[in-house]
Amino acid sequence: MRMQERPSDVRSSQAADISLWVCQALLVLVFLAAGSAKLLGAEAMVEAFDDIGAGQWLRYFTGVAEVAGVLGLLVPRLAGLAALGLTGLMIGAVITNVITDAFSILAVVLLLLSATVAWGRRERTRALLRPVTVG
């Protein structure tokens, strides 16, 4: 037997869902711009990845990962998984920024937003990753 939700619970749930969509929209805008800049070879991006010293392949990989994350954020079923991937990407970015002495508050904010969306959409991610049973 399932308990009925109170009106305040429904409003709270709706507010949380709207907040997650706002976070997703912000992430889409920022990661689309950043991923596009990396893939199109914006001078600042080329220089930044030269400074890291890992080669330009990392710039392309990161750009593709960011754009793929954007696409995932736009698909409700994939949003949690995409946010989880972007969280991992941003953990790497923050670590790299600290190591190269190029700390970026934007990277930390994007990490926190991505983690928030990943956590908020965790049930969708669980459902997506749950094994399919025949039967």
Protein backbone atom coordinates (compact mmCIF):
# COMPACT_ATOMS: atom_id res chain seq x y z
CA MET A 1 0.00 0.00 0.00
CA ARG A 2 1.36 3.38 -0.95
CA MET A 3 0.88 6.39 1.26
CA GLN A 4 -0.75 9.39 -0.32
CA GLU A 5 1.41 12.43 -0.77
CA ARG A 6 0.40 15.60 1.00
CA PRO A 7 -0.04 18.75 -1.12
CA SER A 8 3.06 20.27 0.50
CA ASP A 9 5.09 17.18 -0.51
CA VAL A 10 3.89 17.52 -4.09
CA ARG A 11 4.79 21.23 -4.17
CA SER A 12 8.20 20.48 -2.68
CA SER A 13 8.80 17.75 -5.25
CA GLN A 14 7.75 20.06 -8.08
CA ALA A 15 10.02 22.83 -6.79
CA ALA A 16 12.95 20.41 -6.61
CA ASP A 17 12.27 19.21 -10.16
CA ILE A 18 12.09 22.80 -11.45
CA SER A 19 15.35 23.62 -9.65
CA LEU A 20 17.03 20.63 -11.26
CA TRP A 21 15.80 21.72 -14.70
CA VAL A 22 17.19 25.22 -14.09
CA CYS A 23 20.55 23.70 -13.11
CA GLN A 24 20.45 21.50 -16.20
CA ALA A 25 19.70 24.50 -18.43
CA LEU A 26 22.66 26.40 -16.97
CA LEU A 27 24.91 23.39 -17.48
CA VAL A 28 23.71 23.00 -21.07
CA LEU A 29 24.52 26.63 -21.88
CA VAL A 30 27.97 26.60 -20.29
CA PHE A 31 29.08 23.17 -21.51
CA LEU A 32 27.77 23.81 -25.03
CA ALA A 33 29.83 27.00 -25.21
CA ALA A 34 32.91 25.41 -23.64
CA GLY A 35 32.72 22.20 -25.66
CA SER A 36 32.20 24.11 -28.90
CA ALA A 37 35.16 26.38 -28.15
CA LYS A 38 37.36 23.35 -27.57
CA LEU A 39 36.21 21.54 -30.70
CA LEU A 40 36.46 24.63 -32.90
CA GLY A 41 39.98 25.37 -31.69
CA ALA A 42 39.43 28.69 -29.97
CA GLU A 43 42.84 30.23 -29.32
CA ALA A 44 42.29 30.40 -25.55
CA MET A 45 41.42 26.70 -25.46
CA VAL A 46 44.43 25.69 -27.56
CA GLU A 47 46.71 27.71 -25.25
CA ALA A 48 45.08 26.30 -22.10
CA PHE A 49 45.63 22.71 -23.22
CA ASP A 50 49.19 23.55 -24.32
CA ASP A 51 49.80 24.80 -20.78
CA ILE A 52 48.51 21.52 -19.36
CA GLY A 53 51.05 19.69 -21.50
CA ALA A 54 48.88 16.69 -22.31
CA GLY A 55 48.50 17.50 -26.00
CA GLN A 56 45.62 18.71 -28.10
CA TRP A 57 44.01 15.27 -28.14
CA LEU A 58 42.80 16.04 -24.60
CA ARG A 59 41.14 19.24 -25.83
CA TYR A 60 39.21 17.27 -28.46
CA PHE A 61 38.31 14.51 -25.99
CA THR A 62 37.09 17.05 -23.44
CA GLY A 63 35.10 18.96 -26.07
CA VAL A 64 33.38 15.79 -27.27
CA ALA A 65 32.65 14.73 -23.66
CA GLU A 66 31.15 18.14 -22.88
CA VAL A 67 28.93 18.19 -25.97
CA ALA A 68 27.86 14.59 -25.30
CA GLY A 69 27.00 15.65 -21.75
CA VAL A 70 24.89 18.49 -23.11
CA LEU A 71 22.95 16.10 -25.33
CA GLY A 72 22.42 13.75 -22.39
CA LEU A 73 21.18 16.57 -20.16
CA LEU A 74 18.50 17.35 -22.73
CA VAL A 75 17.09 13.80 -22.65
CA PRO A 76 15.18 13.32 -19.38
CA ARG A 77 15.97 9.61 -19.17
CA LEU A 78 19.72 10.26 -19.60
CA ALA A 79 20.03 13.49 -17.58
CA GLY A 80 21.31 11.87 -14.39
CA LEU A 81 23.86 9.74 -16.18
CA ALA A 82 25.03 12.73 -18.24
CA ALA A 83 25.36 14.85 -15.10
CA LEU A 84 27.35 12.05 -13.47
CA GLY A 85 29.71 12.01 -16.44
CA LEU A 86 30.08 15.78 -16.33
CA THR A 87 30.77 15.54 -12.59
CA GLY A 88 33.66 13.20 -13.32
CA LEU A 89 34.92 15.51 -16.05
CA MET A 90 34.81 18.48 -13.70
CA ILE A 91 36.60 16.58 -10.93
CA GLY A 92 39.40 16.08 -13.44
CA ALA A 93 39.26 19.75 -14.44
CA VAL A 94 39.46 20.98 -10.84
CA ILE A 95 42.39 18.66 -10.08
CA THR A 96 44.17 19.77 -13.24
CA ASN A 97 43.55 23.42 -12.41
CA VAL A 98 44.98 22.99 -8.91
CA ILE A 99 48.04 21.10 -10.18
CA THR A 100 48.76 23.66 -12.90
CA ASP A 101 48.15 26.56 -10.51
CA ALA A 102 45.27 27.82 -12.65
CA PHE A 103 42.47 27.55 -10.09
CA SER A 104 39.03 28.36 -11.52
CA ILE A 105 35.98 29.05 -9.40
CA LEU A 106 33.87 28.36 -12.50
CA ALA A 107 35.17 24.78 -12.58
CA VAL A 108 34.18 24.33 -8.93
CA VAL A 109 30.70 25.79 -9.54
CA LEU A 110 30.19 23.52 -12.57
CA LEU A 111 31.34 20.55 -10.49
CA LEU A 112 28.81 21.38 -7.78
CA LEU A 113 25.97 21.96 -10.26
CA SER A 114 26.73 18.73 -12.11
CA ALA A 115 26.88 16.77 -8.86
CA THR A 116 23.59 18.33 -7.73
CA VAL A 117 21.84 17.26 -10.93
CA ALA A 118 23.42 13.79 -10.77
CA TRP A 119 22.16 13.37 -7.20
CA GLY A 120 18.74 14.81 -7.96
CA ARG A 121 18.29 12.50 -10.96
CA ARG A 122 19.78 9.42 -9.26
CA GLU A 123 16.54 7.43 -9.42
CA ARG A 124 16.42 7.83 -13.20
CA THR A 125 20.04 6.73 -13.41
CA ARG A 126 19.36 3.69 -11.22
CA ALA A 127 16.40 2.76 -13.41
CA LEU A 128 18.53 3.15 -16.52
CA LEU A 129 21.34 1.00 -15.13
CA ARG A 130 19.10 -1.61 -13.54
CA PRO A 131 19.52 -4.91 -15.38
CA VAL A 132 16.67 -5.86 -17.64
CA THR A 133 15.09 -9.11 -16.59
CA VAL A 134 13.25 -11.31 -19.02
CA GLY A 135 10.30 -12.85 -17.79
